Amino acid sequence: IIAIQAGILLNDPVINRKIKELAEYEANIN
């Protein structure tokens, strides 16, 4: 969770793509 909140600050395309994947497919609701 903390890595998501920090990673988005970099506006890095690879990190952003990974976060989008988590938003769509991650099983953990939080």
PDB file of all heavy atoms in Angstrom:
ATOM      1  N   ILE A   1       0.838  -1.207   0.000  1.00  0.00           N
ATOM      2  CA  ILE A   1       0.000   0.000   0.000  1.00  0.00           C
ATOM      3  C   ILE A   1       0.869   1.252   0.000  1.00  0.00           C
ATOM      4  O   ILE A   1       0.632   2.196  -0.769  1.00  0.00           O
ATOM      5  CB  ILE A   1      -0.958  -0.014   1.215  1.00  0.00           C
ATOM      6  CG1 ILE A   1      -2.084  -1.032   0.981  1.00  0.00           C
ATOM      7  CG2 ILE A   1      -1.542   1.375   1.471  1.00  0.00           C
ATOM      8  CD1 ILE A   1      -2.958  -1.282   2.184  1.00  0.00           C
ATOM      9  N   ILE A   2       1.884   1.267   0.857  1.00  0.00           N
ATOM     10  CA  ILE A   2       2.779   2.431   0.922  1.00  0.00           C
ATOM     11  C   ILE A   2       3.555   2.586  -0.392  1.00  0.00           C
ATOM     12  O   ILE A   2       3.768   3.704  -0.875  1.00  0.00           O
ATOM     13  CB  ILE A   2       3.742   2.298   2.114  1.00  0.00           C
ATOM     14  CG1 ILE A   2       2.951   2.360   3.423  1.00  0.00           C
ATOM     15  CG2 ILE A   2       4.802   3.403   2.087  1.00  0.00           C
ATOM     16  CD1 ILE A   2       3.769   2.068   4.663  1.00  0.00           C
ATOM     17  N   ALA A   3       3.957   1.454  -0.989  1.00  0.00           N
ATOM     18  CA  ALA A   3       4.681   1.512  -2.266  1.00  0.00           C
ATOM     19  C   ALA A   3       3.796   2.078  -3.372  1.00  0.00           C
ATOM     20  O   ALA A   3       4.272   2.816  -4.252  1.00  0.00           O
ATOM     21  CB  ALA A   3       5.171   0.122  -2.641  1.00  0.00           C
ATOM     22  N   ILE A   4       2.513   1.759  -3.345  1.00  0.00           N
ATOM     23  CA  ILE A   4       1.568   2.319  -4.325  1.00  0.00           C
ATOM     24  C   ILE A   4       1.469   3.830  -4.144  1.00  0.00           C
ATOM     25  O   ILE A   4       1.544   4.594  -5.110  1.00  0.00           O
ATOM     26  CB  ILE A   4       0.174   1.669  -4.161  1.00  0.00           C
ATOM     27  CG1 ILE A   4       0.210   0.202  -4.587  1.00  0.00           C
ATOM     28  CG2 ILE A   4      -0.877   2.420  -4.969  1.00  0.00           C
ATOM     29  CD1 ILE A   4      -1.035  -0.585  -4.208  1.00  0.00           C
ATOM     30  N   GLN A   5       1.298   4.251  -2.899  1.00  0.00           N
ATOM     31  CA  GLN A   5       1.135   5.681  -2.611  1.00  0.00           C
ATOM     32  C   GLN A   5       2.388   6.482  -2.953  1.00  0.00           C
ATOM     33  O   GLN A   5       2.291   7.636  -3.390  1.00  0.00           O
ATOM     34  CB  GLN A   5       0.775   5.862  -1.129  1.00  0.00           C
ATOM     35  CG  GLN A   5      -0.588   5.281  -0.769  1.00  0.00           C
ATOM     36  CD  GLN A   5      -0.822   5.196   0.729  1.00  0.00           C
ATOM     37  OE1 GLN A   5       0.140   5.132   1.509  1.00  0.00           O
ATOM     38  NE2 GLN A   5      -2.071   5.202   1.158  1.00  0.00           N
ATOM     39  N   ALA A   6       3.553   5.873  -2.758  1.00  0.00           N
ATOM     40  CA  ALA A   6       4.807   6.562  -3.083  1.00  0.00           C
ATOM     41  C   ALA A   6       5.105   6.465  -4.580  1.00  0.00           C
ATOM     42  O   ALA A   6       5.545   7.443  -5.201  1.00  0.00           O
ATOM     43  CB  ALA A   6       5.961   5.954  -2.285  1.00  0.00           C
ATOM     44  N   GLY A   7       4.872   5.288  -5.162  1.00  0.00           N
ATOM     45  CA  GLY A   7       5.208   5.074  -6.568  1.00  0.00           C
ATOM     46  C   GLY A   7       4.471   5.995  -7.521  1.00  0.00           C
ATOM     47  O   GLY A   7       5.038   6.470  -8.515  1.00  0.00           O
ATOM     48  N   ILE A   8       3.208   6.287  -7.212  1.00  0.00           N
ATOM     49  CA  ILE A   8       2.424   7.140  -8.109  1.00  0.00           C
ATOM     50  C   ILE A   8       2.995   8.548  -8.194  1.00  0.00           C
ATOM     51  O   ILE A   8       2.796   9.266  -9.180  1.00  0.00           O
ATOM     52  CB  ILE A   8       0.946   7.182  -7.644  1.00  0.00           C
ATOM     53  CG1 ILE A   8       0.026   7.651  -8.773  1.00  0.00           C
ATOM     54  CG2 ILE A   8       0.796   8.068  -6.417  1.00  0.00           C
ATOM     55  CD1 ILE A   8      -0.131   6.653  -9.888  1.00  0.00           C
ATOM     56  N   LEU A   9       3.753   8.955  -7.152  1.00  0.00           N
ATOM     57  CA  LEU A   9       4.328  10.304  -7.127  1.00  0.00           C
ATOM     58  C   LEU A   9       5.381  10.502  -8.208  1.00  0.00           C
ATOM     59  O   LEU A   9       5.650  11.633  -8.611  1.00  0.00           O
ATOM     60  CB  LEU A   9       4.950  10.582  -5.751  1.00  0.00           C
ATOM     61  CG  LEU A   9       4.001  10.520  -4.545  1.00  0.00           C
ATOM     62  CD1 LEU A   9       4.787  10.676  -3.247  1.00  0.00           C
ATOM     63  CD2 LEU A   9       2.928  11.597  -4.658  1.00  0.00           C
ATOM     64  N   LEU A  10       5.983   9.400  -8.660  1.00  0.00           N
ATOM     65  CA  LEU A  10       7.045   9.500  -9.664  1.00  0.00           C
ATOM     66  C   LEU A  10       6.498   9.663 -11.078  1.00  0.00           C
ATOM     67  O   LEU A  10       7.237  10.037 -11.996  1.00  0.00           O
ATOM     68  CB  LEU A  10       7.939   8.261  -9.600  1.00  0.00           C
ATOM     69  CG  LEU A  10       8.735   8.083  -8.307  1.00  0.00           C
ATOM     70  CD1 LEU A  10       9.506   6.763  -8.340  1.00  0.00           C
ATOM     71  CD2 LEU A  10       9.695   9.251  -8.096  1.00  0.00           C
ATOM     72  N   ASN A  11       5.231   9.334 -11.252  1.00  0.00           N
ATOM     73  CA  ASN A  11       4.612   9.378 -12.586  1.00  0.00           C
ATOM     74  C   ASN A  11       5.446   8.608 -13.612  1.00  0.00           C
ATOM     75  O   ASN A  11       5.648   9.037 -14.748  1.00  0.00           O
ATOM     76  CB  ASN A  11       4.412  10.830 -13.039  1.00  0.00           C
ATOM     77  CG  ASN A  11       3.368  10.938 -14.145  1.00  0.00           C
ATOM     78  OD1 ASN A  11       2.496  10.074 -14.270  1.00  0.00           O
ATOM     79  ND2 ASN A  11       3.478  11.977 -14.954  1.00  0.00           N
ATOM     80  N   ASP A  12       5.936   7.447 -13.166  1.00  0.00           N
ATOM     81  CA  ASP A  12       6.745   6.576 -14.004  1.00  0.00           C
ATOM     82  C   ASP A  12       5.810   5.643 -14.780  1.00  0.00           C
ATOM     83  O   ASP A  12       4.936   5.004 -14.189  1.00  0.00           O
ATOM     84  CB  ASP A  12       7.697   5.760 -13.122  1.00  0.00           C
ATOM     85  CG  ASP A  12       8.547   4.788 -13.908  1.00  0.00           C
ATOM     86  OD1 ASP A  12       8.082   3.647 -14.119  1.00  0.00           O
ATOM     87  OD2 ASP A  12       9.650   5.176 -14.307  1.00  0.00           O
ATOM     88  N   PRO A  13       5.965   5.527 -16.115  1.00  0.00           N
ATOM     89  CA  PRO A  13       5.015   4.721 -16.908  1.00  0.00           C
ATOM     90  C   PRO A  13       4.946   3.248 -16.487  1.00  0.00           C
ATOM     91  O   PRO A  13       3.870   2.656 -16.484  1.00  0.00           O
ATOM     92  CB  PRO A  13       5.532   4.864 -18.343  1.00  0.00           C
ATOM     93  CG  PRO A  13       6.926   5.394 -18.230  1.00  0.00           C
ATOM     94  CD  PRO A  13       6.969   6.186 -16.983  1.00  0.00           C
ATOM     95  N   VAL A  14       6.083   2.668 -16.122  1.00  0.00           N
ATOM     96  CA  VAL A  14       6.088   1.256 -15.728  1.00  0.00           C
ATOM     97  C   VAL A  14       5.387   1.077 -14.383  1.00  0.00           C
ATOM     98  O   VAL A  14       4.568   0.163 -14.201  1.00  0.00           O
ATOM     99  CB  VAL A  14       7.529   0.707 -15.659  1.00  0.00           C
ATOM    100  CG1 VAL A  14       7.528  -0.743 -15.193  1.00  0.00           C
ATOM    101  CG2 VAL A  14       8.202   0.824 -17.022  1.00  0.00           C
ATOM    102  N   ILE A  15       5.691   1.947 -13.441  1.00  0.00           N
ATOM    103  CA  ILE A  15       5.043   1.872 -12.130  1.00  0.00           C
ATOM    104  C   ILE A  15       3.547   2.138 -12.260  1.00  0.00           C
ATOM    105  O   ILE A  15       2.714   1.436 -11.672  1.00  0.00           O
ATOM    106  CB  ILE A  15       5.684   2.864 -11.142  1.00  0.00           C
ATOM    107  CG1 ILE A  15       7.109   2.419 -10.802  1.00  0.00           C
ATOM    108  CG2 ILE A  15       4.841   2.990  -9.871  1.00  0.00           C
ATOM    109  CD1 ILE A  15       7.850   3.347  -9.856  1.00  0.00           C
ATOM    110  N   ASN A  16       3.191   3.140 -13.085  1.00  0.00           N
ATOM    111  CA  ASN A  16       1.774   3.451 -13.273  1.00  0.00           C
ATOM    112  C   ASN A  16       1.018   2.265 -13.880  1.00  0.00           C
ATOM    113  O   ASN A  16      -0.125   1.986 -13.492  1.00  0.00           O
ATOM    114  CB  ASN A  16       1.613   4.669 -14.178  1.00  0.00           C
ATOM    115  CG  ASN A  16       2.024   5.963 -13.479  1.00  0.00           C
ATOM    116  OD1 ASN A  16       2.313   5.958 -12.284  1.00  0.00           O
ATOM    117  ND2 ASN A  16       2.054   7.055 -14.219  1.00  0.00           N
ATOM    118  N   ARG A  17       1.663   1.584 -14.814  1.00  0.00           N
ATOM    119  CA  ARG A  17       1.009   0.419 -15.442  1.00  0.00           C
ATOM    120  C   ARG A  17       0.796  -0.691 -14.414  1.00  0.00           C
ATOM    121  O   ARG A  17      -0.253  -1.339 -14.393  1.00  0.00           O
ATOM    122  CB  ARG A  17       1.859  -0.077 -16.610  1.00  0.00           C
ATOM    123  CG  ARG A  17       1.201  -1.211 -17.384  1.00  0.00           C
ATOM    124  CD  ARG A  17       1.843  -1.424 -18.752  1.00  0.00           C
ATOM    125  NE  ARG A  17       3.256  -1.748 -18.665  1.00  0.00           N
ATOM    126  CZ  ARG A  17       4.232  -0.926 -19.054  1.00  0.00           C
ATOM    127  NH1 ARG A  17       3.945   0.283 -19.535  1.00  0.00           N
ATOM    128  NH2 ARG A  17       5.494  -1.292 -18.959  1.00  0.00           N
ATOM    129  N   LYS A  18       1.782  -0.885 -13.550  1.00  0.00           N
ATOM    130  CA  LYS A  18       1.652  -1.906 -12.512  1.00  0.00           C
ATOM    131  C   LYS A  18       0.526  -1.555 -11.548  1.00  0.00           C
ATOM    132  O   LYS A  18      -0.256  -2.427 -11.128  1.00  0.00           O
ATOM    133  CB  LYS A  18       2.982  -2.040 -11.757  1.00  0.00           C
ATOM    134  CG  LYS A  18       2.955  -3.044 -10.620  1.00  0.00           C
ATOM    135  CD  LYS A  18       2.656  -4.455 -11.103  1.00  0.00           C
ATOM    136  CE  LYS A  18       2.671  -5.455  -9.958  1.00  0.00           C
ATOM    137  NZ  LYS A  18       2.326  -6.824 -10.390  1.00  0.00           N
ATOM    138  N   ILE A  19       0.418  -0.283 -11.193  1.00  0.00           N
ATOM    139  CA  ILE A  19      -0.648   0.153 -10.284  1.00  0.00           C
ATOM    140  C   ILE A  19      -2.019  -0.039 -10.932  1.00  0.00           C
ATOM    141  O   ILE A  19      -2.984  -0.445 -10.269  1.00  0.00           O
ATOM    142  CB  ILE A  19      -0.433   1.621  -9.854  1.00  0.00           C
ATOM    143  CG1 ILE A  19       0.836   1.733  -8.989  1.00  0.00           C
ATOM    144  CG2 ILE A  19      -1.636   2.150  -9.082  1.00  0.00           C
ATOM    145  CD1 ILE A  19       1.212   3.151  -8.616  1.00  0.00           C
ATOM    146  N   LYS A  20      -2.112   0.213 -12.231  1.00  0.00           N
ATOM    147  CA  LYS A  20      -3.376  -0.018 -12.943  1.00  0.00           C
ATOM    148  C   LYS A  20      -3.753  -1.491 -12.925  1.00  0.00           C
ATOM    149  O   LYS A  20      -4.935  -1.846 -12.789  1.00  0.00           O
ATOM    150  CB  LYS A  20      -3.255   0.476 -14.386  1.00  0.00           C
ATOM    151  CG  LYS A  20      -3.248   1.993 -14.516  1.00  0.00           C
ATOM    152  CD  LYS A  20      -3.061   2.431 -15.960  1.00  0.00           C
ATOM    153  CE  LYS A  20      -2.985   3.959 -16.052  1.00  0.00           C
ATOM    154  NZ  LYS A  20      -2.711   4.417 -17.447  1.00  0.00           N
ATOM    155  N   GLU A  21      -2.762  -2.358 -13.062  1.00  0.00           N
ATOM    156  CA  GLU A  21      -3.021  -3.799 -12.988  1.00  0.00           C
ATOM    157  C   GLU A  21      -3.561  -4.179 -11.609  1.00  0.00           C
ATOM    158  O   GLU A  21      -4.495  -4.991 -11.495  1.00  0.00           O
ATOM    159  CB  GLU A  21      -1.736  -4.578 -13.282  1.00  0.00           C
ATOM    160  CG  GLU A  21      -1.271  -4.499 -14.725  1.00  0.00           C
ATOM    161  CD  GLU A  21       0.070  -5.190 -14.935  1.00  0.00           C
ATOM    162  OE1 GLU A  21       0.592  -5.776 -13.956  1.00  0.00           O
ATOM    163  OE2 GLU A  21       0.607  -5.121 -16.055  1.00  0.00           O
ATOM    164  N   LEU A  22      -2.970  -3.594 -10.575  1.00  0.00           N
ATOM    165  CA  LEU A  22      -3.437  -3.875  -9.215  1.00  0.00           C
ATOM    166  C   LEU A  22      -4.867  -3.368  -9.017  1.00  0.00           C
ATOM    167  O   LEU A  22      -5.675  -4.012  -8.335  1.00  0.00           O
ATOM    168  CB  LEU A  22      -2.505  -3.220  -8.194  1.00  0.00           C
ATOM    169  CG  LEU A  22      -1.083  -3.782  -8.116  1.00  0.00           C
ATOM    170  CD1 LEU A  22      -0.232  -2.939  -7.169  1.00  0.00           C
ATOM    171  CD2 LEU A  22      -1.096  -5.228  -7.652  1.00  0.00           C
ATOM    172  N   ALA A  23      -5.180  -2.229  -9.639  1.00  0.00           N
ATOM    173  CA  ALA A  23      -6.527  -1.666  -9.517  1.00  0.00           C
ATOM    174  C   ALA A  23      -7.567  -2.543 -10.191  1.00  0.00           C
ATOM    175  O   ALA A  23      -8.736  -2.565  -9.790  1.00  0.00           O
ATOM    176  CB  ALA A  23      -6.554  -0.257 -10.114  1.00  0.00           C
ATOM    177  N   GLU A  24      -7.149  -3.286 -11.196  1.00  0.00           N
ATOM    178  CA  GLU A  24      -8.093  -4.111 -11.952  1.00  0.00           C
ATOM    179  C   GLU A  24      -8.160  -5.554 -11.472  1.00  0.00           C
ATOM    180  O   GLU A  24      -9.242  -6.159 -11.429  1.00  0.00           O
ATOM    181  CB  GLU A  24      -7.719  -4.089 -13.435  1.00  0.00           C
ATOM    182  CG  GLU A  24      -7.905  -2.730 -14.097  1.00  0.00           C
ATOM    183  CD  GLU A  24      -7.480  -2.748 -15.564  1.00  0.00           C
ATOM    184  OE1 GLU A  24      -7.252  -3.856 -16.105  1.00  0.00           O
ATOM    185  OE2 GLU A  24      -7.366  -1.665 -16.163  1.00  0.00           O
ATOM    186  N   TYR A  25      -7.001  -6.119 -11.099  1.00  0.00           N
ATOM    187  CA  TYR A  25      -6.963  -7.571 -10.879  1.00  0.00           C
ATOM    188  C   TYR A  25      -6.568  -8.014  -9.465  1.00  0.00           C
ATOM    189  O   TYR A  25      -6.701  -9.193  -9.145  1.00  0.00           O
ATOM    190  CB  TYR A  25      -5.970  -8.204 -11.873  1.00  0.00           C
ATOM    191  CG  TYR A  25      -6.262  -7.857 -13.313  1.00  0.00           C
ATOM    192  CD1 TYR A  25      -5.358  -7.082 -14.057  1.00  0.00           C
ATOM    193  CD2 TYR A  25      -7.429  -8.285 -13.928  1.00  0.00           C
ATOM    194  CE1 TYR A  25      -5.615  -6.756 -15.372  1.00  0.00           C
ATOM    195  CE2 TYR A  25      -7.684  -7.963 -15.256  1.00  0.00           C
ATOM    196  CZ  TYR A  25      -6.784  -7.196 -15.974  1.00  0.00           C
ATOM    197  OH  TYR A  25      -7.041  -6.879 -17.272  1.00  0.00           O
ATOM    198  N   GLU A  26      -6.084  -7.106  -8.649  1.00  0.00           N
ATOM    199  CA  GLU A  26      -5.618  -7.510  -7.316  1.00  0.00           C
ATOM    200  C   GLU A  26      -6.758  -8.097  -6.474  1.00  0.00           C
ATOM    201  O   GLU A  26      -7.837  -7.508  -6.374  1.00  0.00           O
ATOM    202  CB  GLU A  26      -4.998  -6.305  -6.604  1.00  0.00           C
ATOM    203  CG  GLU A  26      -4.627  -6.535  -5.157  1.00  0.00           C
ATOM    204  CD  GLU A  26      -3.600  -7.644  -4.963  1.00  0.00           C
ATOM    205  OE1 GLU A  26      -2.641  -7.718  -5.753  1.00  0.00           O
ATOM    206  OE2 GLU A  26      -3.764  -8.410  -4.004  1.00  0.00           O
ATOM    207  N   ALA A  27      -6.492  -9.251  -5.854  1.00  0.00           N
ATOM    208  CA  ALA A  27      -7.510  -9.921  -5.038  1.00  0.00           C
ATOM    209  C   ALA A  27      -7.724  -9.230  -3.697  1.00  0.00           C
ATOM    210  O   ALA A  27      -8.839  -9.223  -3.163  1.00  0.00           O
ATOM    211  CB  ALA A  27      -7.122 -11.383  -4.808  1.00  0.00           C
ATOM    212  N   ASN A  28      -6.663  -8.653  -3.149  1.00  0.00           N
ATOM    213  CA  ASN A  28      -6.766  -7.982  -1.848  1.00  0.00           C
ATOM    214  C   ASN A  28      -7.520  -6.668  -2.016  1.00  0.00           C
ATOM    215  O   ASN A  28      -7.080  -5.754  -2.718  1.00  0.00           O
ATOM    216  CB  ASN A  28      -5.358  -7.735  -1.288  1.00  0.00           C
ATOM    217  CG  ASN A  28      -5.377  -7.152   0.103  1.00  0.00           C
ATOM    218  OD1 ASN A  28      -5.965  -6.110   0.351  1.00  0.00           O
ATOM    219  ND2 ASN A  28      -4.710  -7.829   1.033  1.00  0.00           N
ATOM    220  N   ILE A  29      -8.669  -6.565  -1.345  1.00  0.00           N
ATOM    221  CA  ILE A  29      -9.547  -5.409  -1.525  1.00  0.00           C
ATOM    222  C   ILE A  29      -8.890  -4.099  -1.110  1.00  0.00           C
ATOM    223  O   ILE A  29      -9.072  -3.063  -1.751  1.00  0.00           O
ATOM    224  CB  ILE A  29     -10.877  -5.611  -0.758  1.00  0.00           C
ATOM    225  CG1 ILE A  29     -11.843  -4.462  -1.041  1.00  0.00           C
ATOM    226  CG2 ILE A  29     -10.624  -5.744   0.735  1.00  0.00           C
ATOM    227  CD1 ILE A  29     -12.304  -4.377  -2.460  1.00  0.00           C
ATOM    228  N   ASN A  30      -8.100  -4.109  -0.025  1.00  0.00           N
ATOM    229  CA  ASN A  30      -7.457  -2.875   0.444  1.00  0.00           C
ATOM    230  C   ASN A  30      -6.404  -2.372  -0.530  1.00  0.00           C
ATOM    231  O   ASN A  30      -6.283  -1.167  -0.764  1.00  0.00           O
ATOM    232  CB  ASN A  30      -6.833  -3.100   1.823  1.00  0.00           C
ATOM    233  CG  ASN A  30      -7.874  -3.291   2.906  1.00  0.00           C
ATOM    234  OD1 ASN A  30      -8.948  -2.691   2.860  1.00  0.00           O
ATOM    235  ND2 ASN A  30      -7.568  -4.132   3.883  1.00  0.00           N
TER     236      ASN A  30
END
